[in-house]
Amino acid sequence: MSKLHQTQQRFYSNFQSAKKELDKLLAAGANSSPTSDILDAIDQKLAALIEDVQIAKAYLVPYDQRAYASQVDQLTKEFNELKERAVPISKFAFSTRSRRLPGDGRSSEPEQIASKQINSSPQAFDIPGITIHQLQGLENKFVTVEPLPASGSLSISEISNCIIFVPPSASVMSSVRVTDCLKSILVFSGEISGPLHLSRVITSTIVVRQAHQLRLHESSDSDIILGETGGRIIEKCSDLIFAKAEFNEAHDRITISQFTESIDDFDHPAGKSPNWSTIDDETTTKFTDNHYERIVHLSQTTNEQHIQENLTRLIHAALSRDIDFEDGDESKHGN
């Protein structure tokens, strides 16, 4: 089977799976007054599917392009009809900008919680088997994501100078979507059973233990460190460094090595792509196994001052190469 045929088959399979989920959500909304939670879930999944179909035009024959575009148009029409009957309930969005402190009836000021660790739990929808967890508009935050036991989707958008950590103990996520990520470190130590979509990831590090598929769009100057992943596709990307990661969950460690698997670059379908490379004697990732250990330990820390002191320093060290930690594991203290 040719590489092109394999790529097409992956798209066909992923499309059918995504359409099945959307049909389920649309049916749930049609059977009752659609809430904003249901509409948000549909909107997120439909946007991802539309992007997939747009990208797939590069390798689908014209007949298939028209067929899949027609199905997306029908789903969009059903969604628009559903929105017209929507119950006017305010949109749920996870935000840490106005978090209440224990015993205080007032919201804390943004600068007071700028670098605190946040153990977050997702909003559960009233649809069996579907949970959407959303992190949006974060700056200078350390977030430890603790989803509910049910499988769900994670959406991360508009973040800068953040560390987002999904521990190995987190529940299996059906999909993850990241958009507009600047100078941040995202560590997915849990399992992603479906696709991981990354758009506009700039000067950041993404660490993934396991995902069914990886898609990168309009991203640059970033380290992508992968464990077990399926199809790996990039488009309109530059200056990416890929590396392999072996996870040792028992000791909270990873081992980073040269990446030897294939990457499909839609901008350079033939020959070696100038948009990505892997580590060798002259090239290395800015992020190291040492940084991973410190993030794990920092996620277990309850001393908020310690977290605040280490957040910026850790991001700077892991993303810029010009700062290193002193001897002695400072981030292990302060529990």
C-alpha atoms as a PDB file:
ATOM      1  CA  MET A   1       0.000   0.000   0.000  1.00  0.00           C
ATOM      2  CA  SER A   2       1.442   3.383  -1.026  1.00  0.00           C
ATOM      3  CA  LYS A   3       2.011   6.215   1.426  1.00  0.00           C
ATOM      4  CA  LEU A   4      -0.677   8.289  -0.332  1.00  0.00           C
ATOM      5  CA  HIS A   5      -3.201   5.470  -0.047  1.00  0.00           C
ATOM      6  CA  GLN A   6      -2.424   5.037   3.655  1.00  0.00           C
ATOM      7  CA  THR A   7      -3.002   8.759   4.227  1.00  0.00           C
ATOM      8  CA  GLN A   8      -6.319   8.596   2.372  1.00  0.00           C
ATOM      9  CA  GLN A   9      -7.446   5.562   4.368  1.00  0.00           C
ATOM     10  CA  ARG A  10      -6.646   7.295   7.650  1.00  0.00           C
ATOM     11  CA  PHE A  11      -8.715  10.271   6.562  1.00  0.00           C
ATOM     12  CA  TYR A  12     -11.674   8.101   5.552  1.00  0.00           C
ATOM     13  CA  SER A  13     -11.626   6.306   8.911  1.00  0.00           C
ATOM     14  CA  ASN A  14     -11.251   9.488  10.964  1.00  0.00           C
ATOM     15  CA  PHE A  15     -13.979  11.246   8.991  1.00  0.00           C
ATOM     16  CA  GLN A  16     -16.505   8.481   9.582  1.00  0.00           C
ATOM     17  CA  SER A  17     -15.687   8.382  13.288  1.00  0.00           C
ATOM     18  CA  ALA A  18     -16.044  12.170  13.657  1.00  0.00           C
ATOM     19  CA  LYS A  19     -19.288  12.213  11.652  1.00  0.00           C
ATOM     20  CA  LYS A  20     -20.728   9.487  13.867  1.00  0.00           C
ATOM     21  CA  GLU A  21     -20.011  11.583  16.969  1.00  0.00           C
ATOM     22  CA  LEU A  22     -21.558  14.668  15.355  1.00  0.00           C
ATOM     23  CA  ASP A  23     -24.673  12.732  14.318  1.00  0.00           C
ATOM     24  CA  LYS A  24     -25.052  11.593  17.926  1.00  0.00           C
ATOM     25  CA  LEU A  25     -24.745  15.150  19.242  1.00  0.00           C
ATOM     26  CA  LEU A  26     -27.136  16.556  16.647  1.00  0.00           C
ATOM     27  CA  ALA A  27     -29.689  13.868  17.489  1.00  0.00           C
ATOM     28  CA  ALA A  28     -29.354  14.608  21.213  1.00  0.00           C
ATOM     29  CA  GLY A  29     -29.966  18.296  20.559  1.00  0.00           C
ATOM     30  CA  ALA A  30     -32.917  17.624  18.258  1.00  0.00           C
ATOM     31  CA  ASN A  31     -34.677  15.461  20.845  1.00  0.00           C
ATOM     32  CA  SER A  32     -34.858  18.336  23.340  1.00  0.00           C
ATOM     33  CA  SER A  33     -34.173  22.031  23.589  1.00  0.00           C
ATOM     34  CA  PRO A  34     -30.463  22.264  22.725  1.00  0.00           C
ATOM     35  CA  THR A  35     -28.345  23.754  25.505  1.00  0.00           C
ATOM     36  CA  SER A  36     -25.184  25.790  25.034  1.00  0.00           C
ATOM     37  CA  ASP A  37     -23.160  22.793  26.235  1.00  0.00           C
ATOM     38  CA  ILE A  38     -24.404  20.637  23.368  1.00  0.00           C
ATOM     39  CA  LEU A  39     -23.910  23.467  20.881  1.00  0.00           C
ATOM     40  CA  ASP A  40     -20.342  24.033  22.076  1.00  0.00           C
ATOM     41  CA  ALA A  41     -19.557  20.343  21.655  1.00  0.00           C
ATOM     42  CA  ILE A  42     -20.951  20.322  18.116  1.00  0.00           C
ATOM     43  CA  ASP A  43     -19.206  23.567  17.209  1.00  0.00           C
ATOM     44  CA  GLN A  44     -15.815  22.244  18.340  1.00  0.00           C
ATOM     45  CA  LYS A  45     -16.097  18.912  16.561  1.00  0.00           C
ATOM     46  CA  LEU A  46     -17.567  20.432  13.389  1.00  0.00           C
ATOM     47  CA  ALA A  47     -14.765  23.027  13.186  1.00  0.00           C
ATOM     48  CA  ALA A  48     -12.179  20.250  13.473  1.00  0.00           C
ATOM     49  CA  LEU A  49     -13.910  18.221  10.754  1.00  0.00           C
ATOM     50  CA  ILE A  50     -14.113  21.208   8.383  1.00  0.00           C
ATOM     51  CA  GLU A  51     -10.381  21.819   8.848  1.00  0.00           C
ATOM     52  CA  ASP A  52      -9.647  18.142   8.161  1.00  0.00           C
ATOM     53  CA  VAL A  53     -11.622  18.225   4.917  1.00  0.00           C
ATOM     54  CA  GLN A  54      -9.859  21.413   3.815  1.00  0.00           C
ATOM     55  CA  ILE A  55      -6.450  19.869   4.419  1.00  0.00           C
ATOM     56  CA  ALA A  56      -7.466  16.602   2.746  1.00  0.00           C
ATOM     57  CA  LYS A  57      -8.085  18.398  -0.547  1.00  0.00           C
ATOM     58  CA  ALA A  58      -4.333  18.126  -1.113  1.00  0.00           C
ATOM     59  CA  TYR A  59      -4.540  14.353  -1.559  1.00  0.00           C
ATOM     60  CA  LEU A  60      -8.186  13.463  -2.300  1.00  0.00           C
ATOM     61  CA  VAL A  61      -9.466  13.013  -5.849  1.00  0.00           C
ATOM     62  CA  PRO A  62     -12.041  15.629  -6.971  1.00  0.00           C
ATOM     63  CA  TYR A  63     -14.995  13.231  -6.582  1.00  0.00           C
ATOM     64  CA  ASP A  64     -14.104  12.509  -2.944  1.00  0.00           C
ATOM     65  CA  GLN A  65     -13.496  16.190  -2.275  1.00  0.00           C
ATOM     66  CA  ARG A  66     -17.032  17.009  -3.411  1.00  0.00           C
ATOM     67  CA  ALA A  67     -18.564  14.066  -1.535  1.00  0.00           C
ATOM     68  CA  TYR A  68     -17.000  14.947   1.811  1.00  0.00           C
ATOM     69  CA  ALA A  69     -17.635  18.669   1.357  1.00  0.00           C
ATOM     70  CA  SER A  70     -21.299  17.851   0.739  1.00  0.00           C
ATOM     71  CA  GLN A  71     -21.511  15.847   3.969  1.00  0.00           C
ATOM     72  CA  VAL A  72     -19.897  18.697   5.908  1.00  0.00           C
ATOM     73  CA  ASP A  73     -22.352  21.170   4.349  1.00  0.00           C
ATOM     74  CA  GLN A  74     -25.259  18.995   5.501  1.00  0.00           C
ATOM     75  CA  LEU A  75     -23.879  18.766   9.034  1.00  0.00           C
ATOM     76  CA  THR A  76     -23.399  22.548   9.075  1.00  0.00           C
ATOM     77  CA  LYS A  77     -26.978  23.069   7.919  1.00  0.00           C
ATOM     78  CA  GLU A  78     -28.316  20.806  10.683  1.00  0.00           C
ATOM     79  CA  PHE A  79     -26.161  22.635  13.217  1.00  0.00           C
ATOM     80  CA  ASN A  80     -27.435  26.054  12.118  1.00  0.00           C
ATOM     81  CA  GLU A  81     -31.019  24.823  12.398  1.00  0.00           C
ATOM     82  CA  LEU A  82     -30.279  23.544  15.881  1.00  0.00           C
ATOM     83  CA  LYS A  83     -28.797  26.878  16.962  1.00  0.00           C
ATOM     84  CA  GLU A  84     -32.014  28.635  16.008  1.00  0.00           C
ATOM     85  CA  ARG A  85     -33.816  26.597  18.676  1.00  0.00           C
ATOM     86  CA  ALA A  86     -31.075  27.018  21.286  1.00  0.00           C
ATOM     87  CA  VAL A  87     -31.884  27.685  24.896  1.00  0.00           C
ATOM     88  CA  PRO A  88     -30.262  31.021  25.858  1.00  0.00           C
ATOM     89  CA  ILE A  89     -27.862  29.652  28.473  1.00  0.00           C
ATOM     90  CA  SER A  90     -24.477  31.287  28.967  1.00  0.00           C
ATOM     91  CA  LYS A  91     -21.539  29.504  27.381  1.00  0.00           C
ATOM     92  CA  PHE A  92     -19.342  27.407  29.633  1.00  0.00           C
ATOM     93  CA  ALA A  93     -15.675  28.219  29.453  1.00  0.00           C
ATOM     94  CA  PHE A  94     -13.024  27.209  31.975  1.00  0.00           C
ATOM     95  CA  SER A  95     -11.260  30.345  33.076  1.00  0.00           C
ATOM     96  CA  THR A  96      -8.949  31.020  35.986  1.00  0.00           C
ATOM     97  CA  ARG A  97      -9.069  34.779  35.869  1.00  0.00           C
ATOM     98  CA  SER A  98     -11.665  35.169  38.652  1.00  0.00           C
ATOM     99  CA  ARG A  99     -11.108  32.253  40.983  1.00  0.00           C
ATOM    100  CA  ARG A 100     -12.530  32.558  44.509  1.00  0.00           C
ATOM    101  CA  LEU A 101     -10.215  31.931  47.411  1.00  0.00           C
ATOM    102  CA  PRO A 102     -11.351  29.718  50.326  1.00  0.00           C
ATOM    103  CA  GLY A 103     -13.260  31.685  52.928  1.00  0.00           C
ATOM    104  CA  ASP A 104     -13.357  34.813  50.815  1.00  0.00           C
ATOM    105  CA  GLY A 105     -16.514  35.971  49.096  1.00  0.00           C
ATOM    106  CA  ARG A 106     -14.605  38.122  46.630  1.00  0.00           C
ATOM    107  CA  SER A 107     -12.912  37.087  43.411  1.00  0.00           C
ATOM    108  CA  SER A 108      -9.129  37.218  43.565  1.00  0.00           C
ATOM    109  CA  GLU A 109      -7.322  39.678  41.324  1.00  0.00           C
ATOM    110  CA  PRO A 110      -5.606  38.255  38.212  1.00  0.00           C
ATOM    111  CA  GLU A 111      -2.096  39.087  39.422  1.00  0.00           C
ATOM    112  CA  GLN A 112      -2.730  37.222  42.683  1.00  0.00           C
ATOM    113  CA  ILE A 113      -3.315  33.938  40.886  1.00  0.00           C
ATOM    114  CA  ALA A 114      -1.112  34.535  37.863  1.00  0.00           C
ATOM    115  CA  SER A 115       1.145  31.533  38.435  1.00  0.00           C
ATOM    116  CA  LYS A 116      -0.847  29.244  40.696  1.00  0.00           C
ATOM    117  CA  GLN A 117      -1.301  25.592  40.036  1.00  0.00           C
ATOM    118  CA  ILE A 118      -4.876  24.813  39.062  1.00  0.00           C
ATOM    119  CA  ASN A 119      -6.266  21.320  39.427  1.00  0.00           C
ATOM    120  CA  SER A 120      -9.100  21.470  36.937  1.00  0.00           C
ATOM    121  CA  SER A 121     -12.117  19.255  36.400  1.00  0.00           C
ATOM    122  CA  PRO A 122     -14.179  19.242  33.203  1.00  0.00           C
ATOM    123  CA  GLN A 123     -17.775  20.275  32.785  1.00  0.00           C
ATOM    124  CA  ALA A 124     -19.882  17.138  32.277  1.00  0.00           C
ATOM    125  CA  PHE A 125     -22.615  17.299  29.637  1.00  0.00           C
ATOM    126  CA  ASP A 126     -25.950  15.525  30.000  1.00  0.00           C
ATOM    127  CA  ILE A 127     -25.039  13.168  27.158  1.00  0.00           C
ATOM    128  CA  PRO A 128     -23.715   9.716  28.050  1.00  0.00           C
ATOM    129  CA  GLY A 129     -20.047   9.285  27.155  1.00  0.00           C
ATOM    130  CA  ILE A 130     -19.378  12.901  26.144  1.00  0.00           C
ATOM    131  CA  THR A 131     -17.387  15.401  28.185  1.00  0.00           C
ATOM    132  CA  ILE A 132     -15.828  18.619  26.964  1.00  0.00           C
ATOM    133  CA  HIS A 133     -13.064  20.237  28.973  1.00  0.00           C
ATOM    134  CA  GLN A 134     -12.074  23.724  27.880  1.00  0.00           C
ATOM    135  CA  LEU A 135      -9.060  25.832  28.869  1.00  0.00           C
ATOM    136  CA  GLN A 136      -9.176  29.262  27.280  1.00  0.00           C
ATOM    137  CA  GLY A 137      -7.457  32.623  27.556  1.00  0.00           C
ATOM    138  CA  LEU A 138      -4.705  31.651  30.018  1.00  0.00           C
ATOM    139  CA  GLU A 139      -1.460  33.515  30.676  1.00  0.00           C
ATOM    140  CA  ASN A 140       1.321  32.678  33.147  1.00  0.00           C
ATOM    141  CA  LYS A 141      -0.518  29.670  34.582  1.00  0.00           C
ATOM    142  CA  PHE A 142       0.516  26.219  35.715  1.00  0.00           C
ATOM    143  CA  VAL A 143      -2.439  23.901  35.140  1.00  0.00           C
ATOM    144  CA  THR A 144      -2.736  20.251  36.123  1.00  0.00           C
ATOM    145  CA  VAL A 145      -5.679  18.766  34.235  1.00  0.00           C
ATOM    146  CA  GLU A 146      -7.669  16.127  36.094  1.00  0.00           C
ATOM    147  CA  PRO A 147     -10.612  15.070  33.884  1.00  0.00           C
ATOM    148  CA  LEU A 148     -13.552  13.058  35.095  1.00  0.00           C
ATOM    149  CA  PRO A 149     -13.380   9.256  34.751  1.00  0.00           C
ATOM    150  CA  ALA A 150     -15.458   9.374  31.560  1.00  0.00           C
ATOM    151  CA  SER A 151     -13.751   9.693  28.181  1.00  0.00           C
ATOM    152  CA  GLY A 152     -13.916  13.238  26.858  1.00  0.00           C
ATOM    153  CA  SER A 153     -12.402  15.917  24.639  1.00  0.00           C
ATOM    154  CA  LEU A 154      -9.970  18.629  25.697  1.00  0.00           C
ATOM    155  CA  SER A 155      -9.868  22.058  24.050  1.00  0.00           C
ATOM    156  CA  ILE A 156      -7.014  24.469  24.785  1.00  0.00           C
ATOM    157  CA  SER A 157      -6.948  27.908  23.164  1.00  0.00           C
ATOM    158  CA  GLU A 158      -5.308  31.317  23.468  1.00  0.00           C
ATOM    159  CA  ILE A 159      -2.607  30.502  25.997  1.00  0.00           C
ATOM    160  CA  SER A 160       0.810  32.055  26.524  1.00  0.00           C
ATOM    161  CA  ASN A 161       3.647  31.421  28.979  1.00  0.00           C
ATOM    162  CA  CYS A 162       1.778  28.487  30.484  1.00  0.00           C
ATOM    163  CA  ILE A 163       2.520  24.921  31.476  1.00  0.00           C
ATOM    164  CA  ILE A 164      -0.395  22.529  30.941  1.00  0.00           C
ATOM    165  CA  PHE A 165       0.189  19.084  32.430  1.00  0.00           C
ATOM    166  CA  VAL A 166      -2.062  16.060  31.864  1.00  0.00           C
ATOM    167  CA  PRO A 167      -0.826  13.342  34.250  1.00  0.00           C
ATOM    168  CA  PRO A 168      -0.702   9.629  33.410  1.00  0.00           C
ATOM    169  CA  SER A 169      -3.549   9.032  35.856  1.00  0.00           C
ATOM    170  CA  ALA A 170      -5.946  11.185  33.813  1.00  0.00           C
ATOM    171  CA  SER A 171      -8.801   9.462  32.013  1.00  0.00           C
ATOM    172  CA  VAL A 172      -8.456   8.560  28.338  1.00  0.00           C
ATOM    173  CA  MET A 173      -9.320  11.579  26.180  1.00  0.00           C
ATOM    174  CA  SER A 174     -11.142  10.993  22.904  1.00  0.00           C
ATOM    175  CA  SER A 175      -9.511  14.025  21.257  1.00  0.00           C
ATOM    176  CA  VAL A 176      -7.456  17.131  22.000  1.00  0.00           C
ATOM    177  CA  ARG A 177      -7.462  20.422  20.118  1.00  0.00           C
ATOM    178  CA  VAL A 178      -4.933  23.208  20.735  1.00  0.00           C
ATOM    179  CA  THR A 179      -5.119  26.621  19.029  1.00  0.00           C
ATOM    180  CA  ASP A 180      -3.018  29.770  19.518  1.00  0.00           C
ATOM    181  CA  CYS A 181      -0.342  28.516  21.894  1.00  0.00           C
ATOM    182  CA  LEU A 182       2.635  30.828  22.498  1.00  0.00           C
ATOM    183  CA  LYS A 183       5.765  30.163  24.578  1.00  0.00           C
ATOM    184  CA  SER A 184       4.122  27.360  26.509  1.00  0.00           C
ATOM    185  CA  ILE A 185       4.774  23.749  27.441  1.00  0.00           C
ATOM    186  CA  LEU A 186       2.004  21.181  27.013  1.00  0.00           C
ATOM    187  CA  VAL A 187       2.610  17.712  28.406  1.00  0.00           C
ATOM    188  CA  PHE A 188       0.068  14.993  27.625  1.00  0.00           C
ATOM    189  CA  SER A 189       1.195  12.078  29.775  1.00  0.00           C
ATOM    190  CA  GLY A 190      -2.261  10.522  29.564  1.00  0.00           C
ATOM    191  CA  GLU A 191      -3.689   8.631  26.617  1.00  0.00           C
ATOM    192  CA  ILE A 192      -5.434  10.310  23.674  1.00  0.00           C
ATOM    193  CA  SER A 193      -7.495   7.669  21.890  1.00  0.00           C
ATOM    194  CA  GLY A 194      -8.321   9.939  18.939  1.00  0.00           C
ATOM    195  CA  PRO A 195      -6.637  12.846  17.135  1.00  0.00           C
ATOM    196  CA  LEU A 196      -4.477  15.630  18.535  1.00  0.00           C
ATOM    197  CA  HIS A 197      -4.916  18.837  16.496  1.00  0.00           C
ATOM    198  CA  LEU A 198      -2.398  21.658  16.964  1.00  0.00           C
ATOM    199  CA  SER A 199      -2.869  25.012  15.232  1.00  0.00           C
ATOM    200  CA  ARG A 200      -0.668  28.085  15.551  1.00  0.00           C
ATOM    201  CA  VAL A 201       1.718  26.648  18.129  1.00  0.00           C
ATOM    202  CA  ILE A 202       4.666  29.059  18.318  1.00  0.00           C
ATOM    203  CA  THR A 203       7.920  28.748  20.298  1.00  0.00           C
ATOM    204  CA  SER A 204       6.497  25.984  22.463  1.00  0.00           C
ATOM    205  CA  THR A 205       7.018  22.368  23.414  1.00  0.00           C
ATOM    206  CA  ILE A 206       4.447  19.606  23.000  1.00  0.00           C
ATOM    207  CA  VAL A 207       5.061  16.267  24.725  1.00  0.00           C
ATOM    208  CA  VAL A 208       2.693  13.410  23.859  1.00  0.00           C
ATOM    209  CA  ARG A 209       2.661   9.963  25.389  1.00  0.00           C
ATOM    210  CA  GLN A 210       0.061   8.399  23.085  1.00  0.00           C
ATOM    211  CA  ALA A 211      -2.302   9.649  20.381  1.00  0.00           C
ATOM    212  CA  HIS A 212      -4.123   8.054  17.462  1.00  0.00           C
ATOM    213  CA  GLN A 213      -3.130  10.874  15.111  1.00  0.00           C
ATOM    214  CA  LEU A 214      -1.153  14.123  15.237  1.00  0.00           C
ATOM    215  CA  ARG A 215      -1.966  17.166  13.069  1.00  0.00           C
ATOM    216  CA  LEU A 216       0.076  20.380  13.100  1.00  0.00           C
ATOM    217  CA  HIS A 217      -1.022  23.506  11.228  1.00  0.00           C
ATOM    218  CA  GLU A 218       0.623  26.944  10.960  1.00  0.00           C
ATOM    219  CA  SER A 219       3.120  26.166  13.734  1.00  0.00           C
ATOM    220  CA  SER A 220       6.814  27.047  14.088  1.00  0.00           C
ATOM    221  CA  ASP A 221       9.916  27.142  16.300  1.00  0.00           C
ATOM    222  CA  SER A 222       8.675  24.307  18.509  1.00  0.00           C
ATOM    223  CA  ASP A 223       9.734  20.941  19.864  1.00  0.00           C
ATOM    224  CA  ILE A 224       7.370  18.025  19.271  1.00  0.00           C
ATOM    225  CA  ILE A 225       8.283  15.072  21.478  1.00  0.00           C
ATOM    226  CA  LEU A 226       6.253  11.955  20.773  1.00  0.00           C
ATOM    227  CA  GLY A 227       5.688   8.574  22.349  1.00  0.00           C
ATOM    228  CA  GLU A 228       3.275   6.271  20.556  1.00  0.00           C
ATOM    229  CA  THR A 229       1.447   8.176  17.808  1.00  0.00           C
ATOM    230  CA  GLY A 230      -0.303   7.222  14.609  1.00  0.00           C
ATOM    231  CA  GLY A 231      -0.354   9.371  11.456  1.00  0.00           C
ATOM    232  CA  ARG A 232       1.739  12.520  11.826  1.00  0.00           C
ATOM    233  CA  ILE A 233       0.769  15.340   9.454  1.00  0.00           C
ATOM    234  CA  ILE A 234       2.049  18.925   9.228  1.00  0.00           C
ATOM    235  CA  GLU A 235       0.994  21.818   6.991  1.00  0.00           C
ATOM    236  CA  LYS A 236       2.228  25.406   6.760  1.00  0.00           C
ATOM    237  CA  CYS A 237       4.777  24.701   9.488  1.00  0.00           C
ATOM    238  CA  SER A 238       8.466  25.572   9.864  1.00  0.00           C
ATOM    239  CA  ASP A 239      11.407  25.037  12.184  1.00  0.00           C
ATOM    240  CA  LEU A 240       9.948  22.067  14.028  1.00  0.00           C
ATOM    241  CA  ILE A 241      12.150  19.573  15.836  1.00  0.00           C
ATOM    242  CA  PHE A 242      10.701  16.107  16.373  1.00  0.00           C
ATOM    243  CA  ALA A 243      12.029  13.693  18.974  1.00  0.00           C
ATOM    244  CA  LYS A 244      11.068  10.304  20.347  1.00  0.00           C
ATOM    245  CA  ALA A 245      10.039   9.892  23.979  1.00  0.00           C
ATOM    246  CA  GLU A 246       9.995   6.728  26.044  1.00  0.00           C
ATOM    247  CA  PHE A 247       7.901   7.127  29.179  1.00  0.00           C
ATOM    248  CA  ASN A 248       8.815   5.560  32.510  1.00  0.00           C
ATOM    249  CA  GLU A 249       5.637   6.170  34.492  1.00  0.00           C
ATOM    250  CA  ALA A 250       6.920   4.367  37.597  1.00  0.00           C
ATOM    251  CA  HIS A 251       9.730   6.896  37.995  1.00  0.00           C
ATOM    252  CA  ASP A 252       8.078   9.995  36.474  1.00  0.00           C
ATOM    253  CA  ARG A 253      10.680  10.129  33.725  1.00  0.00           C
ATOM    254  CA  ILE A 254      11.053  10.184  29.972  1.00  0.00           C
ATOM    255  CA  THR A 255      14.004   9.400  27.730  1.00  0.00           C
ATOM    256  CA  ILE A 256      14.341  11.602  24.639  1.00  0.00           C
ATOM    257  CA  SER A 257      16.006  10.209  21.525  1.00  0.00           C
ATOM    258  CA  GLN A 258      16.151  10.598  17.732  1.00  0.00           C
ATOM    259  CA  PHE A 259      12.845  10.459  15.870  1.00  0.00           C
ATOM    260  CA  THR A 260      12.938   7.811  13.142  1.00  0.00           C
ATOM    261  CA  GLU A 261       9.291   7.596  12.031  1.00  0.00           C
ATOM    262  CA  SER A 262       7.645   9.327   9.075  1.00  0.00           C
ATOM    263  CA  ILE A 263       6.099  12.803   8.938  1.00  0.00           C
ATOM    264  CA  ASP A 264       3.686  13.789   6.154  1.00  0.00           C
ATOM    265  CA  ASP A 265       4.369  17.400   5.175  1.00  0.00           C
ATOM    266  CA  PHE A 266       1.593  18.519   2.827  1.00  0.00           C
ATOM    267  CA  ASP A 267       3.747  21.446   1.642  1.00  0.00           C
ATOM    268  CA  HIS A 268       6.559  19.054   0.669  1.00  0.00           C
ATOM    269  CA  PRO A 269       4.983  15.706  -0.249  1.00  0.00           C
ATOM    270  CA  ALA A 270       8.180  14.381  -1.863  1.00  0.00           C
ATOM    271  CA  GLY A 271      11.751  14.375  -0.627  1.00  0.00           C
ATOM    272  CA  LYS A 272      13.161  15.639   2.652  1.00  0.00           C
ATOM    273  CA  SER A 273      11.112  18.479   4.103  1.00  0.00           C
ATOM    274  CA  PRO A 274      12.928  21.679   5.151  1.00  0.00           C
ATOM    275  CA  ASN A 275      10.191  22.358   7.711  1.00  0.00           C
ATOM    276  CA  TRP A 276      11.154  19.786  10.309  1.00  0.00           C
ATOM    277  CA  SER A 277      14.134  17.846  11.567  1.00  0.00           C
ATOM    278  CA  THR A 278      15.041  15.447  14.329  1.00  0.00           C
ATOM    279  CA  ILE A 279      17.810  15.530  16.901  1.00  0.00           C
ATOM    280  CA  ASP A 280      21.350  14.568  15.940  1.00  0.00           C
ATOM    281  CA  ASP A 281      24.912  15.531  16.842  1.00  0.00           C
ATOM    282  CA  GLU A 282      24.263  19.168  15.921  1.00  0.00           C
ATOM    283  CA  THR A 283      20.558  19.576  16.721  1.00  0.00           C
ATOM    284  CA  THR A 284      18.745  19.033  19.979  1.00  0.00           C
ATOM    285  CA  THR A 285      15.401  19.859  21.532  1.00  0.00           C
ATOM    286  CA  LYS A 286      15.212  22.794  23.888  1.00  0.00           C
ATOM    287  CA  PHE A 287      13.117  20.609  26.175  1.00  0.00           C
ATOM    288  CA  THR A 288      14.932  17.811  28.043  1.00  0.00           C
ATOM    289  CA  ASP A 289      14.008  14.811  30.187  1.00  0.00           C
ATOM    290  CA  ASN A 290      15.202  16.910  33.108  1.00  0.00           C
ATOM    291  CA  HIS A 291      12.489  19.489  32.412  1.00  0.00           C
ATOM    292  CA  TYR A 292       9.857  16.758  32.247  1.00  0.00           C
ATOM    293  CA  GLU A 293      10.785  15.508  35.720  1.00  0.00           C
ATOM    294  CA  ARG A 294      10.543  19.022  37.118  1.00  0.00           C
ATOM    295  CA  ILE A 295       7.095  19.556  35.637  1.00  0.00           C
ATOM    296  CA  VAL A 296       5.881  16.291  37.176  1.00  0.00           C
ATOM    297  CA  HIS A 297       7.222  17.275  40.592  1.00  0.00           C
ATOM    298  CA  LEU A 298       5.867  20.799  40.281  1.00  0.00           C
ATOM    299  CA  SER A 299       2.410  19.354  39.557  1.00  0.00           C
ATOM    300  CA  GLN A 300       2.589  17.601  42.929  1.00  0.00           C
ATOM    301  CA  THR A 301       3.563  20.760  44.790  1.00  0.00           C
ATOM    302  CA  THR A 302       1.021  22.585  46.940  1.00  0.00           C
ATOM    303  CA  ASN A 303       3.214  25.568  47.797  1.00  0.00           C
ATOM    304  CA  GLU A 304       1.802  28.269  45.532  1.00  0.00           C
ATOM    305  CA  GLN A 305       4.737  30.618  46.054  1.00  0.00           C
ATOM    306  CA  HIS A 306       7.097  27.864  44.960  1.00  0.00           C
ATOM    307  CA  ILE A 307       4.997  27.240  41.848  1.00  0.00           C
ATOM    308  CA  GLN A 308       5.015  30.943  41.015  1.00  0.00           C
ATOM    309  CA  GLU A 309       8.782  31.167  41.402  1.00  0.00           C
ATOM    310  CA  ASN A 310       9.431  28.115  39.219  1.00  0.00           C
ATOM    311  CA  LEU A 311       6.869  28.614  36.433  1.00  0.00           C
ATOM    312  CA  THR A 312       8.626  31.391  34.516  1.00  0.00           C
ATOM    313  CA  ARG A 313      12.054  29.948  35.201  1.00  0.00           C
ATOM    314  CA  LEU A 314      11.057  26.523  33.931  1.00  0.00           C
ATOM    315  CA  ILE A 315       9.464  27.901  30.750  1.00  0.00           C
ATOM    316  CA  HIS A 316      12.527  30.040  30.090  1.00  0.00           C
ATOM    317  CA  ALA A 317      14.887  27.129  30.633  1.00  0.00           C
ATOM    318  CA  ALA A 318      12.915  24.706  28.478  1.00  0.00           C
ATOM    319  CA  LEU A 319      12.209  27.057  25.593  1.00  0.00           C
ATOM    320  CA  SER A 320      15.254  29.307  25.261  1.00  0.00           C
ATOM    321  CA  ARG A 321      18.328  27.082  25.861  1.00  0.00           C
ATOM    322  CA  ASP A 322      20.145  29.967  27.534  1.00  0.00           C
ATOM    323  CA  ILE A 323      19.258  29.116  31.143  1.00  0.00           C
ATOM    324  CA  ASP A 324      19.815  25.851  32.962  1.00  0.00           C
ATOM    325  CA  PHE A 325      18.828  24.630  36.396  1.00  0.00           C
ATOM    326  CA  GLU A 326      21.398  24.672  39.139  1.00  0.00           C
ATOM    327  CA  ASP A 327      22.573  21.407  40.629  1.00  0.00           C
ATOM    328  CA  GLY A 328      19.979  20.122  43.011  1.00  0.00           C
ATOM    329  CA  ASP A 329      16.358  19.628  42.143  1.00  0.00           C
ATOM    330  CA  GLU A 330      14.771  22.798  43.451  1.00  0.00           C
ATOM    331  CA  SER A 331      11.333  21.986  42.124  1.00  0.00           C
ATOM    332  CA  LYS A 332      11.115  18.895  44.312  1.00  0.00           C
ATOM    333  CA  HIS A 333      10.999  21.061  47.430  1.00  0.00           C
ATOM    334  CA  GLY A 334       8.208  23.154  48.804  1.00  0.00           C
ATOM    335  CA  ASN A 335       5.499  20.443  49.149  1.00  0.00           C
END
